[in-house]
């Protein structure tokens, strides 16, 4: 289906293409914090506070921002590992944010995850073959021989050896464990994989291998990724579009090349200025943000970034900017753009 010929209204200030796989609108997650000796009342942590974006079939959306900005919580809500406080999650034309767990089962095989820590996300009591076979037993009616053949094929596809089928997770290296997690996610032929910091715990050389594996698998199976990360060099390598979050809000969304060549939000500029340049003859002016990230329990009024923004004006302190399209496909939440 052509994204050019058919479009429908999107939530992020721009039309979502017709081949949109996932669309979230005004997604919020607030956690209650009990205070006092009796644990009554208290404030709310606004971990995610009105996030909207979409992901097309076969596309990777990189989701970046500082620790605590709400990236991982957004991914967990999409997977329904935690329920949103408000907002909608539209999966292939159907809203799933309020579906009971029994009805969510039909969508579980299409929405899979690869987690940050490849060791804690694997059952230490199960052999590798059993870990990969478990989703197949849950979602498909296959015989023992068929499951064994599928598991062996998945091991080969992600670069694991046949003799490793009988090993336990502690017998694998970090990179091999992450490959095992990828094989498990692939076993039920998903459409979207939420990759939550999938290479942050790996050595740099192993990171490259895993990222290239994810790219190859995307081309082979037509996968879509929500790639949550803080390493902008990795995000630049794997993503088609990039979304930048700050304190629970989306501040900029654009194609990868536009984000890295000409960021339009001051926060994005500051993030990119910290990325090392591989050429020692090239100097990059580092933008040092003043102050600390405000508490999500008491976010600033107006633009949440105004307390650290070098360009903030009086309007920024009282009026919250709307995420709007300033160029085709480039959205920014900033009064100065």
C-alpha atoms as a PDB file:
ATOM      1  CA  UNK A   1       0.000   0.000   0.000  1.00  0.00           C
ATOM      2  CA  UNK A   2       1.472   3.341  -1.024  1.00  0.00           C
ATOM      3  CA  UNK A   3       2.107   5.885   1.718  1.00  0.00           C
ATOM      4  CA  UNK A   4       1.968   8.629  -0.895  1.00  0.00           C
ATOM      5  CA  UNK A   5      -1.365   7.638  -2.403  1.00  0.00           C
ATOM      6  CA  UNK A   6      -3.160   7.093   0.889  1.00  0.00           C
ATOM      7  CA  UNK A   7      -2.727   8.903   4.165  1.00  0.00           C
ATOM      8  CA  UNK A   8      -4.777   9.275   7.290  1.00  0.00           C
ATOM      9  CA  UNK A   9      -4.601  11.893   9.985  1.00  0.00           C
ATOM     10  CA  UNK A  10      -1.912  11.219  12.544  1.00  0.00           C
ATOM     11  CA  UNK A  11      -1.487  12.348  16.142  1.00  0.00           C
ATOM     12  CA  UNK A  12       2.004  13.756  15.981  1.00  0.00           C
ATOM     13  CA  UNK A  13       1.194  16.882  13.984  1.00  0.00           C
ATOM     14  CA  UNK A  14       1.713  15.232  10.574  1.00  0.00           C
ATOM     15  CA  UNK A  15      -0.259  12.714   8.515  1.00  0.00           C
ATOM     16  CA  UNK A  16       0.565   9.093   9.252  1.00  0.00           C
ATOM     17  CA  UNK A  17       1.230   6.998   6.118  1.00  0.00           C
ATOM     18  CA  UNK A  18      -1.258   4.333   5.116  1.00  0.00           C
ATOM     19  CA  UNK A  19       1.309   1.597   5.769  1.00  0.00           C
ATOM     20  CA  UNK A  20       1.568   2.630   9.416  1.00  0.00           C
ATOM     21  CA  UNK A  21       1.964  -0.411  11.643  1.00  0.00           C
ATOM     22  CA  UNK A  22       1.858   1.276  15.048  1.00  0.00           C
ATOM     23  CA  UNK A  23       0.520   4.668  16.060  1.00  0.00           C
ATOM     24  CA  UNK A  24       0.382   6.049  19.592  1.00  0.00           C
ATOM     25  CA  UNK A  25      -1.563   9.178  20.479  1.00  0.00           C
ATOM     26  CA  UNK A  26      -1.114  11.306  23.578  1.00  0.00           C
ATOM     27  CA  UNK A  27       0.294   8.354  25.493  1.00  0.00           C
ATOM     28  CA  UNK A  28       0.741   8.988  29.232  1.00  0.00           C
ATOM     29  CA  UNK A  29       2.017   6.989  32.165  1.00  0.00           C
ATOM     30  CA  UNK A  30       1.826   8.514  35.641  1.00  0.00           C
ATOM     31  CA  UNK A  31       3.010   6.631  38.708  1.00  0.00           C
ATOM     32  CA  UNK A  32       1.576   7.397  42.141  1.00  0.00           C
ATOM     33  CA  UNK A  33       4.134   8.220  44.816  1.00  0.00           C
ATOM     34  CA  UNK A  34       2.883   7.803  48.374  1.00  0.00           C
ATOM     35  CA  UNK A  35       4.203  10.212  50.952  1.00  0.00           C
ATOM     36  CA  UNK A  36       4.110  10.601  54.701  1.00  0.00           C
ATOM     37  CA  UNK A  37       4.319   8.064  57.500  1.00  0.00           C
ATOM     38  CA  UNK A  38       1.005   6.483  56.577  1.00  0.00           C
ATOM     39  CA  UNK A  39       1.720   6.455  52.851  1.00  0.00           C
ATOM     40  CA  UNK A  40      -1.334   8.497  51.966  1.00  0.00           C
ATOM     41  CA  UNK A  41      -1.837  10.813  49.033  1.00  0.00           C
ATOM     42  CA  UNK A  42       1.347  12.045  47.455  1.00  0.00           C
ATOM     43  CA  UNK A  43       2.440  13.238  44.066  1.00  0.00           C
ATOM     44  CA  UNK A  44       2.599  11.630  40.648  1.00  0.00           C
ATOM     45  CA  UNK A  45       5.670  10.838  38.612  1.00  0.00           C
ATOM     46  CA  UNK A  46       4.852  11.881  35.050  1.00  0.00           C
ATOM     47  CA  UNK A  47       7.145   9.349  33.388  1.00  0.00           C
ATOM     48  CA  UNK A  48       5.489   9.737  29.983  1.00  0.00           C
ATOM     49  CA  UNK A  49       3.232  12.711  29.466  1.00  0.00           C
ATOM     50  CA  UNK A  50       1.496  12.954  26.103  1.00  0.00           C
ATOM     51  CA  UNK A  51       3.720  11.186  23.567  1.00  0.00           C
ATOM     52  CA  UNK A  52       2.619  10.670  19.965  1.00  0.00           C
ATOM     53  CA  UNK A  53       4.382   9.006  17.029  1.00  0.00           C
ATOM     54  CA  UNK A  54       3.973   6.306  14.411  1.00  0.00           C
ATOM     55  CA  UNK A  55       6.073   3.507  12.893  1.00  0.00           C
ATOM     56  CA  UNK A  56       5.688   2.195   9.365  1.00  0.00           C
ATOM     57  CA  UNK A  57       6.109  -1.370   8.159  1.00  0.00           C
ATOM     58  CA  UNK A  58       9.782  -2.202   7.717  1.00  0.00           C
ATOM     59  CA  UNK A  59      10.919   0.986   9.467  1.00  0.00           C
ATOM     60  CA  UNK A  60      13.171   1.628  12.461  1.00  0.00           C
ATOM     61  CA  UNK A  61      12.288   4.528  14.732  1.00  0.00           C
ATOM     62  CA  UNK A  62      15.135   5.431  17.065  1.00  0.00           C
ATOM     63  CA  UNK A  63      13.917   6.758  20.420  1.00  0.00           C
ATOM     64  CA  UNK A  64      16.617   8.744  22.241  1.00  0.00           C
ATOM     65  CA  UNK A  65      17.004  10.961  25.287  1.00  0.00           C
ATOM     66  CA  UNK A  66      18.671  11.152  28.681  1.00  0.00           C
ATOM     67  CA  UNK A  67      18.161   8.457  31.296  1.00  0.00           C
ATOM     68  CA  UNK A  68      14.791   8.847  32.985  1.00  0.00           C
ATOM     69  CA  UNK A  69      13.087  10.662  30.097  1.00  0.00           C
ATOM     70  CA  UNK A  70      10.513   7.879  29.622  1.00  0.00           C
ATOM     71  CA  UNK A  71      11.946   5.921  26.671  1.00  0.00           C
ATOM     72  CA  UNK A  72      11.761   2.451  28.208  1.00  0.00           C
ATOM     73  CA  UNK A  73       8.377   3.131  29.800  1.00  0.00           C
ATOM     74  CA  UNK A  74       7.033   4.040  26.354  1.00  0.00           C
ATOM     75  CA  UNK A  75       8.263   0.716  24.987  1.00  0.00           C
ATOM     76  CA  UNK A  76       6.717  -1.208  27.875  1.00  0.00           C
ATOM     77  CA  UNK A  77       3.344   0.426  27.273  1.00  0.00           C
ATOM     78  CA  UNK A  78       3.424  -0.524  23.601  1.00  0.00           C
ATOM     79  CA  UNK A  79       4.120  -4.121  24.623  1.00  0.00           C
ATOM     80  CA  UNK A  80       1.413  -3.833  27.313  1.00  0.00           C
ATOM     81  CA  UNK A  81       3.907  -4.861  29.973  1.00  0.00           C
ATOM     82  CA  UNK A  82       2.546  -1.825  31.796  1.00  0.00           C
ATOM     83  CA  UNK A  83      -0.798  -0.182  31.130  1.00  0.00           C
ATOM     84  CA  UNK A  84      -0.958   3.472  30.056  1.00  0.00           C
ATOM     85  CA  UNK A  85      -2.665   6.049  32.240  1.00  0.00           C
ATOM     86  CA  UNK A  86      -4.257   7.580  29.154  1.00  0.00           C
ATOM     87  CA  UNK A  87      -3.818   7.825  25.412  1.00  0.00           C
ATOM     88  CA  UNK A  88      -4.256   5.276  22.635  1.00  0.00           C
ATOM     89  CA  UNK A  89      -2.117   2.542  21.097  1.00  0.00           C
ATOM     90  CA  UNK A  90      -3.300   1.730  17.591  1.00  0.00           C
ATOM     91  CA  UNK A  91      -1.884  -1.537  16.259  1.00  0.00           C
ATOM     92  CA  UNK A  92      -2.652  -2.232  12.599  1.00  0.00           C
ATOM     93  CA  UNK A  93      -5.940  -0.357  12.816  1.00  0.00           C
ATOM     94  CA  UNK A  94      -7.089  -1.614  16.223  1.00  0.00           C
ATOM     95  CA  UNK A  95      -6.760   0.053  19.604  1.00  0.00           C
ATOM     96  CA  UNK A  96      -5.107  -2.283  22.096  1.00  0.00           C
ATOM     97  CA  UNK A  97      -4.377  -0.094  25.126  1.00  0.00           C
ATOM     98  CA  UNK A  98      -7.469  -1.269  27.043  1.00  0.00           C
ATOM     99  CA  UNK A  99      -7.731  -4.851  25.864  1.00  0.00           C
ATOM    100  CA  UNK A 100      -7.837  -7.410  28.690  1.00  0.00           C
ATOM    101  CA  UNK A 101      -4.894  -9.783  28.837  1.00  0.00           C
ATOM    102  CA  UNK A 102      -6.947 -12.621  27.349  1.00  0.00           C
ATOM    103  CA  UNK A 103      -7.640 -10.636  24.191  1.00  0.00           C
ATOM    104  CA  UNK A 104      -4.085  -9.300  24.058  1.00  0.00           C
ATOM    105  CA  UNK A 105      -2.829 -12.828  23.446  1.00  0.00           C
ATOM    106  CA  UNK A 106      -3.752 -12.535  19.767  1.00  0.00           C
ATOM    107  CA  UNK A 107      -1.332  -9.602  19.452  1.00  0.00           C
ATOM    108  CA  UNK A 108       1.509 -10.981  21.570  1.00  0.00           C
ATOM    109  CA  UNK A 109       3.178 -12.865  18.760  1.00  0.00           C
ATOM    110  CA  UNK A 110       3.272  -9.742  16.571  1.00  0.00           C
ATOM    111  CA  UNK A 111       4.812  -7.566  19.323  1.00  0.00           C
ATOM    112  CA  UNK A 112       8.078  -8.902  20.670  1.00  0.00           C
ATOM    113  CA  UNK A 113      11.004  -7.447  22.618  1.00  0.00           C
ATOM    114  CA  UNK A 114      14.774  -7.613  22.921  1.00  0.00           C
ATOM    115  CA  UNK A 115      15.838  -6.377  26.348  1.00  0.00           C
ATOM    116  CA  UNK A 116      18.844  -4.445  27.606  1.00  0.00           C
ATOM    117  CA  UNK A 117      20.328  -7.117  29.847  1.00  0.00           C
ATOM    118  CA  UNK A 118      20.621 -10.325  27.819  1.00  0.00           C
ATOM    119  CA  UNK A 119      21.273 -12.389  30.950  1.00  0.00           C
ATOM    120  CA  UNK A 120      18.433 -11.307  33.244  1.00  0.00           C
ATOM    121  CA  UNK A 121      15.921 -11.598  30.378  1.00  0.00           C
ATOM    122  CA  UNK A 122      16.674 -15.320  29.933  1.00  0.00           C
ATOM    123  CA  UNK A 123      15.542 -18.106  32.253  1.00  0.00           C
ATOM    124  CA  UNK A 124      18.767 -19.476  33.822  1.00  0.00           C
ATOM    125  CA  UNK A 125      17.126 -22.872  34.443  1.00  0.00           C
ATOM    126  CA  UNK A 126      16.283 -23.485  30.787  1.00  0.00           C
ATOM    127  CA  UNK A 127      18.593 -24.664  28.032  1.00  0.00           C
ATOM    128  CA  UNK A 128      19.013 -22.401  25.018  1.00  0.00           C
ATOM    129  CA  UNK A 129      16.861 -24.578  22.746  1.00  0.00           C
ATOM    130  CA  UNK A 130      14.031 -24.554  25.297  1.00  0.00           C
ATOM    131  CA  UNK A 131      14.195 -20.751  25.597  1.00  0.00           C
ATOM    132  CA  UNK A 132      13.734 -20.280  21.853  1.00  0.00           C
ATOM    133  CA  UNK A 133      11.137 -23.048  21.604  1.00  0.00           C
ATOM    134  CA  UNK A 134       8.924 -21.719  24.402  1.00  0.00           C
ATOM    135  CA  UNK A 135       7.135 -19.051  22.293  1.00  0.00           C
ATOM    136  CA  UNK A 136       6.525 -21.631  19.564  1.00  0.00           C
ATOM    137  CA  UNK A 137       4.818 -23.936  22.057  1.00  0.00           C
ATOM    138  CA  UNK A 138       2.720 -21.040  23.338  1.00  0.00           C
ATOM    139  CA  UNK A 139       1.485 -19.795  19.978  1.00  0.00           C
ATOM    140  CA  UNK A 140       1.698 -22.645  17.472  1.00  0.00           C
ATOM    141  CA  UNK A 141       0.571 -26.272  17.293  1.00  0.00           C
ATOM    142  CA  UNK A 142       3.764 -27.922  16.143  1.00  0.00           C
ATOM    143  CA  UNK A 143       5.210 -31.357  16.719  1.00  0.00           C
ATOM    144  CA  UNK A 144       8.440 -31.924  18.557  1.00  0.00           C
ATOM    145  CA  UNK A 145      10.370 -32.500  15.336  1.00  0.00           C
ATOM    146  CA  UNK A 146       9.030 -29.340  13.695  1.00  0.00           C
ATOM    147  CA  UNK A 147       9.901 -27.234  16.750  1.00  0.00           C
ATOM    148  CA  UNK A 148      13.393 -28.690  16.804  1.00  0.00           C
ATOM    149  CA  UNK A 149      13.896 -27.842  13.120  1.00  0.00           C
ATOM    150  CA  UNK A 150      12.617 -24.291  13.588  1.00  0.00           C
ATOM    151  CA  UNK A 151      14.849 -23.706  16.603  1.00  0.00           C
ATOM    152  CA  UNK A 152      17.910 -25.073  14.790  1.00  0.00           C
ATOM    153  CA  UNK A 153      17.200 -22.800  11.813  1.00  0.00           C
ATOM    154  CA  UNK A 154      16.872 -19.774  14.102  1.00  0.00           C
ATOM    155  CA  UNK A 155      20.151 -20.585  15.816  1.00  0.00           C
ATOM    156  CA  UNK A 156      21.879 -20.731  12.467  1.00  0.00           C
ATOM    157  CA  UNK A 157      20.263 -17.470  11.336  1.00  0.00           C
ATOM    158  CA  UNK A 158      21.441 -15.455  14.325  1.00  0.00           C
ATOM    159  CA  UNK A 159      24.956 -16.906  14.245  1.00  0.00           C
ATOM    160  CA  UNK A 160      24.829 -19.521  17.014  1.00  0.00           C
ATOM    161  CA  UNK A 161      26.283 -23.025  16.659  1.00  0.00           C
ATOM    162  CA  UNK A 162      24.247 -26.267  16.815  1.00  0.00           C
ATOM    163  CA  UNK A 163      26.271 -27.502  19.809  1.00  0.00           C
ATOM    164  CA  UNK A 164      25.046 -24.474  21.793  1.00  0.00           C
ATOM    165  CA  UNK A 165      21.444 -25.698  21.726  1.00  0.00           C
ATOM    166  CA  UNK A 166      21.949 -27.638  24.940  1.00  0.00           C
ATOM    167  CA  UNK A 167      23.826 -24.936  26.835  1.00  0.00           C
ATOM    168  CA  UNK A 168      22.437 -22.764  29.638  1.00  0.00           C
ATOM    169  CA  UNK A 169      22.479 -18.921  29.481  1.00  0.00           C
ATOM    170  CA  UNK A 170      25.477 -18.615  31.834  1.00  0.00           C
ATOM    171  CA  UNK A 171      27.574 -20.597  29.352  1.00  0.00           C
ATOM    172  CA  UNK A 172      27.191 -17.909  26.668  1.00  0.00           C
ATOM    173  CA  UNK A 173      29.040 -14.633  26.263  1.00  0.00           C
ATOM    174  CA  UNK A 174      27.092 -11.345  26.423  1.00  0.00           C
ATOM    175  CA  UNK A 175      26.866 -11.048  22.654  1.00  0.00           C
ATOM    176  CA  UNK A 176      25.787 -14.674  22.282  1.00  0.00           C
ATOM    177  CA  UNK A 177      23.090 -14.207  24.919  1.00  0.00           C
ATOM    178  CA  UNK A 178      21.740 -11.221  23.015  1.00  0.00           C
ATOM    179  CA  UNK A 179      21.684 -13.307  19.837  1.00  0.00           C
ATOM    180  CA  UNK A 180      19.739 -15.901  21.805  1.00  0.00           C
ATOM    181  CA  UNK A 181      17.258 -13.219  22.856  1.00  0.00           C
ATOM    182  CA  UNK A 182      16.893 -12.138  19.226  1.00  0.00           C
ATOM    183  CA  UNK A 183      16.261 -15.734  18.149  1.00  0.00           C
ATOM    184  CA  UNK A 184      13.541 -16.029  20.809  1.00  0.00           C
ATOM    185  CA  UNK A 185      11.882 -12.823  19.575  1.00  0.00           C
ATOM    186  CA  UNK A 186      12.035 -14.013  15.953  1.00  0.00           C
ATOM    187  CA  UNK A 187      10.597 -17.456  16.691  1.00  0.00           C
ATOM    188  CA  UNK A 188       6.952 -16.391  16.339  1.00  0.00           C
ATOM    189  CA  UNK A 189       7.545 -14.198  13.255  1.00  0.00           C
ATOM    190  CA  UNK A 190       6.659 -10.803  14.792  1.00  0.00           C
ATOM    191  CA  UNK A 191       5.937  -7.599  12.909  1.00  0.00           C
ATOM    192  CA  UNK A 192       7.420  -5.184  15.465  1.00  0.00           C
ATOM    193  CA  UNK A 193      10.280  -5.685  17.913  1.00  0.00           C
ATOM    194  CA  UNK A 194      10.855  -3.217  20.723  1.00  0.00           C
ATOM    195  CA  UNK A 195      14.627  -3.110  21.218  1.00  0.00           C
ATOM    196  CA  UNK A 196      15.268  -1.596  24.644  1.00  0.00           C
ATOM    197  CA  UNK A 197      18.968  -0.617  24.779  1.00  0.00           C
ATOM    198  CA  UNK A 198      19.865  -3.959  23.142  1.00  0.00           C
ATOM    199  CA  UNK A 199      23.607  -3.287  22.782  1.00  0.00           C
ATOM    200  CA  UNK A 200      24.405  -0.951  25.690  1.00  0.00           C
ATOM    201  CA  UNK A 201      25.765  -3.816  27.824  1.00  0.00           C
ATOM    202  CA  UNK A 202      28.016  -5.180  25.059  1.00  0.00           C
ATOM    203  CA  UNK A 203      31.564  -4.446  23.974  1.00  0.00           C
ATOM    204  CA  UNK A 204      31.895  -2.030  21.063  1.00  0.00           C
ATOM    205  CA  UNK A 205      33.006  -4.706  18.577  1.00  0.00           C
ATOM    206  CA  UNK A 206      30.112  -6.951  19.595  1.00  0.00           C
ATOM    207  CA  UNK A 207      27.700  -4.018  19.374  1.00  0.00           C
ATOM    208  CA  UNK A 208      28.492  -3.637  15.683  1.00  0.00           C
ATOM    209  CA  UNK A 209      27.871  -7.327  15.041  1.00  0.00           C
ATOM    210  CA  UNK A 210      24.486  -7.298  16.780  1.00  0.00           C
ATOM    211  CA  UNK A 211      23.385  -4.072  15.079  1.00  0.00           C
ATOM    212  CA  UNK A 212      24.325  -5.436  11.657  1.00  0.00           C
ATOM    213  CA  UNK A 213      22.424  -8.637  12.480  1.00  0.00           C
ATOM    214  CA  UNK A 214      19.303  -6.612  13.325  1.00  0.00           C
ATOM    215  CA  UNK A 215      19.597  -4.692  10.047  1.00  0.00           C
ATOM    216  CA  UNK A 216      19.978  -7.915   8.041  1.00  0.00           C
ATOM    217  CA  UNK A 217      16.969  -9.476   9.791  1.00  0.00           C
ATOM    218  CA  UNK A 218      14.882  -6.397   9.080  1.00  0.00           C
ATOM    219  CA  UNK A 219      15.644  -6.599   5.374  1.00  0.00           C
ATOM    220  CA  UNK A 220      15.003 -10.349   5.293  1.00  0.00           C
ATOM    221  CA  UNK A 221      11.754 -10.470   7.267  1.00  0.00           C
ATOM    222  CA  UNK A 222      10.360  -6.943   6.816  1.00  0.00           C
ATOM    223  CA  UNK A 223      10.561  -6.218  10.537  1.00  0.00           C
ATOM    224  CA  UNK A 224       9.844  -2.886  12.188  1.00  0.00           C
ATOM    225  CA  UNK A 225      11.838  -1.730  15.216  1.00  0.00           C
ATOM    226  CA  UNK A 226      11.296   0.738  18.002  1.00  0.00           C
ATOM    227  CA  UNK A 227      14.953   1.146  18.912  1.00  0.00           C
ATOM    228  CA  UNK A 228      15.361   2.676  22.373  1.00  0.00           C
ATOM    229  CA  UNK A 229      18.902   3.906  23.015  1.00  0.00           C
ATOM    230  CA  UNK A 230      21.072   6.690  24.357  1.00  0.00           C
ATOM    231  CA  UNK A 231      24.037   6.024  22.063  1.00  0.00           C
ATOM    232  CA  UNK A 232      23.416   8.366  19.142  1.00  0.00           C
ATOM    233  CA  UNK A 233      26.110   6.773  16.980  1.00  0.00           C
ATOM    234  CA  UNK A 234      24.255   3.447  17.161  1.00  0.00           C
ATOM    235  CA  UNK A 235      20.916   5.159  16.505  1.00  0.00           C
ATOM    236  CA  UNK A 236      22.341   6.900  13.438  1.00  0.00           C
ATOM    237  CA  UNK A 237      23.515   3.578  12.042  1.00  0.00           C
ATOM    238  CA  UNK A 238      20.268   1.626  12.394  1.00  0.00           C
ATOM    239  CA  UNK A 239      17.382   4.133  12.311  1.00  0.00           C
ATOM    240  CA  UNK A 240      15.306   5.544   9.481  1.00  0.00           C
ATOM    241  CA  UNK A 241      13.735   8.237  11.642  1.00  0.00           C
ATOM    242  CA  UNK A 242      14.679   9.532  15.088  1.00  0.00           C
ATOM    243  CA  UNK A 243      12.417  10.727  17.924  1.00  0.00           C
ATOM    244  CA  UNK A 244      13.920  12.749  20.773  1.00  0.00           C
ATOM    245  CA  UNK A 245      12.348  12.736  24.253  1.00  0.00           C
ATOM    246  CA  UNK A 246      12.919  15.049  27.178  1.00  0.00           C
ATOM    247  CA  UNK A 247      11.255  14.658  30.584  1.00  0.00           C
ATOM    248  CA  UNK A 248       8.334  12.590  29.290  1.00  0.00           C
ATOM    249  CA  UNK A 249       7.689  14.720  26.218  1.00  0.00           C
ATOM    250  CA  UNK A 250       8.553  14.347  22.556  1.00  0.00           C
ATOM    251  CA  UNK A 251      10.569  17.384  21.433  1.00  0.00           C
ATOM    252  CA  UNK A 252      11.646  16.466  17.889  1.00  0.00           C
ATOM    253  CA  UNK A 253      10.912  13.790  15.274  1.00  0.00           C
ATOM    254  CA  UNK A 254      12.559  13.740  11.860  1.00  0.00           C
ATOM    255  CA  UNK A 255      14.282  11.528   9.302  1.00  0.00           C
ATOM    256  CA  UNK A 256      17.718  10.443  10.475  1.00  0.00           C
ATOM    257  CA  UNK A 257      19.685  12.568   8.022  1.00  0.00           C
ATOM    258  CA  UNK A 258      17.812  15.746   8.938  1.00  0.00           C
ATOM    259  CA  UNK A 259      18.206  15.181  12.673  1.00  0.00           C
ATOM    260  CA  UNK A 260      21.960  14.652  12.469  1.00  0.00           C
ATOM    261  CA  UNK A 261      22.625  17.300   9.803  1.00  0.00           C
ATOM    262  CA  UNK A 262      20.375  20.081  11.057  1.00  0.00           C
ATOM    263  CA  UNK A 263      18.683  19.525  14.444  1.00  0.00           C
ATOM    264  CA  UNK A 264      16.032  22.143  15.143  1.00  0.00           C
ATOM    265  CA  UNK A 265      15.363  21.752  18.865  1.00  0.00           C
ATOM    266  CA  UNK A 266      17.969  23.115  21.335  1.00  0.00           C
ATOM    267  CA  UNK A 267      17.935  19.881  23.313  1.00  0.00           C
ATOM    268  CA  UNK A 268      18.655  17.822  20.195  1.00  0.00           C
ATOM    269  CA  UNK A 269      21.513  20.198  19.356  1.00  0.00           C
ATOM    270  CA  UNK A 270      23.010  19.649  22.797  1.00  0.00           C
ATOM    271  CA  UNK A 271      22.716  15.855  22.540  1.00  0.00           C
ATOM    272  CA  UNK A 272      24.403  15.754  19.137  1.00  0.00           C
ATOM    273  CA  UNK A 273      27.196  18.065  20.248  1.00  0.00           C
ATOM    274  CA  UNK A 274      28.297  15.368  22.705  1.00  0.00           C
ATOM    275  CA  UNK A 275      28.723  12.676  20.015  1.00  0.00           C
ATOM    276  CA  UNK A 276      32.443  11.978  19.370  1.00  0.00           C
ATOM    277  CA  UNK A 277      33.701  12.800  15.871  1.00  0.00           C
ATOM    278  CA  UNK A 278      35.876  10.035  14.371  1.00  0.00           C
ATOM    279  CA  UNK A 279      38.013  12.557  12.455  1.00  0.00           C
ATOM    280  CA  UNK A 280      40.583  14.126  14.863  1.00  0.00           C
ATOM    281  CA  UNK A 281      40.996  17.149  12.582  1.00  0.00           C
ATOM    282  CA  UNK A 282      37.339  18.105  12.928  1.00  0.00           C
ATOM    283  CA  UNK A 283      36.332  20.155  15.944  1.00  0.00           C
ATOM    284  CA  UNK A 284      32.797  20.151  17.267  1.00  0.00           C
ATOM    285  CA  UNK A 285      31.570  22.849  19.591  1.00  0.00           C
ATOM    286  CA  UNK A 286      30.237  21.160  22.710  1.00  0.00           C
ATOM    287  CA  UNK A 287      27.027  22.605  24.147  1.00  0.00           C
ATOM    288  CA  UNK A 288      27.062  22.278  27.928  1.00  0.00           C
ATOM    289  CA  UNK A 289      23.582  22.410  29.412  1.00  0.00           C
ATOM    290  CA  UNK A 290      23.321  24.208  32.737  1.00  0.00           C
ATOM    291  CA  UNK A 291      21.552  22.732  35.733  1.00  0.00           C
ATOM    292  CA  UNK A 292      20.101  19.290  36.311  1.00  0.00           C
ATOM    293  CA  UNK A 293      17.160  17.562  34.707  1.00  0.00           C
ATOM    294  CA  UNK A 294      14.018  18.639  36.620  1.00  0.00           C
ATOM    295  CA  UNK A 295      12.056  16.079  38.595  1.00  0.00           C
ATOM    296  CA  UNK A 296       9.234  14.329  36.681  1.00  0.00           C
ATOM    297  CA  UNK A 297       7.197  14.754  39.885  1.00  0.00           C
ATOM    298  CA  UNK A 298       7.293  18.523  39.464  1.00  0.00           C
ATOM    299  CA  UNK A 299       8.011  19.299  35.806  1.00  0.00           C
ATOM    300  CA  UNK A 300       8.511  22.981  34.905  1.00  0.00           C
ATOM    301  CA  UNK A 301       5.605  24.983  33.568  1.00  0.00           C
ATOM    302  CA  UNK A 302       5.569  25.903  29.896  1.00  0.00           C
ATOM    303  CA  UNK A 303       8.339  24.246  27.916  1.00  0.00           C
ATOM    304  CA  UNK A 304       9.935  21.594  30.112  1.00  0.00           C
ATOM    305  CA  UNK A 305      13.343  22.370  28.669  1.00  0.00           C
ATOM    306  CA  UNK A 306      13.266  26.105  29.391  1.00  0.00           C
ATOM    307  CA  UNK A 307      15.170  25.767  32.690  1.00  0.00           C
ATOM    308  CA  UNK A 308      18.243  24.545  30.765  1.00  0.00           C
ATOM    309  CA  UNK A 309      17.708  26.092  27.335  1.00  0.00           C
ATOM    310  CA  UNK A 310      20.236  28.786  26.302  1.00  0.00           C
ATOM    311  CA  UNK A 311      17.635  30.412  24.028  1.00  0.00           C
ATOM    312  CA  UNK A 312      14.628  30.459  26.396  1.00  0.00           C
ATOM    313  CA  UNK A 313      12.310  33.485  26.306  1.00  0.00           C
ATOM    314  CA  UNK A 314       9.557  34.642  28.621  1.00  0.00           C
ATOM    315  CA  UNK A 315       6.953  32.819  26.548  1.00  0.00           C
ATOM    316  CA  UNK A 316       8.771  29.506  27.046  1.00  0.00           C
ATOM    317  CA  UNK A 317       8.231  29.671  30.813  1.00  0.00           C
ATOM    318  CA  UNK A 318       4.447  29.831  30.661  1.00  0.00           C
ATOM    319  CA  UNK A 319       3.278  28.347  27.351  1.00  0.00           C
ATOM    320  CA  UNK A 320       3.899  24.709  26.471  1.00  0.00           C
ATOM    321  CA  UNK A 321       4.994  24.286  22.828  1.00  0.00           C
ATOM    322  CA  UNK A 322       3.062  21.929  20.568  1.00  0.00           C
ATOM    323  CA  UNK A 323       4.808  19.305  18.484  1.00  0.00           C
ATOM    324  CA  UNK A 324       4.223  20.624  14.980  1.00  0.00           C
ATOM    325  CA  UNK A 325       5.489  20.017  11.485  1.00  0.00           C
ATOM    326  CA  UNK A 326       7.907  22.747  10.385  1.00  0.00           C
ATOM    327  CA  UNK A 327       9.075  20.893   7.276  1.00  0.00           C
ATOM    328  CA  UNK A 328       7.709  17.766   5.573  1.00  0.00           C
ATOM    329  CA  UNK A 329       8.299  14.937   8.026  1.00  0.00           C
ATOM    330  CA  UNK A 330      10.178  17.140  10.512  1.00  0.00           C
ATOM    331  CA  UNK A 331       8.326  17.896  13.754  1.00  0.00           C
ATOM    332  CA  UNK A 332       9.558  20.132  16.560  1.00  0.00           C
ATOM    333  CA  UNK A 333       8.082  21.270  19.879  1.00  0.00           C
ATOM    334  CA  UNK A 334       9.711  24.691  20.224  1.00  0.00           C
ATOM    335  CA  UNK A 335       8.365  28.274  20.185  1.00  0.00           C
ATOM    336  CA  UNK A 336      11.509  29.541  18.451  1.00  0.00           C
ATOM    337  CA  UNK A 337      11.217  27.321  15.368  1.00  0.00           C
END
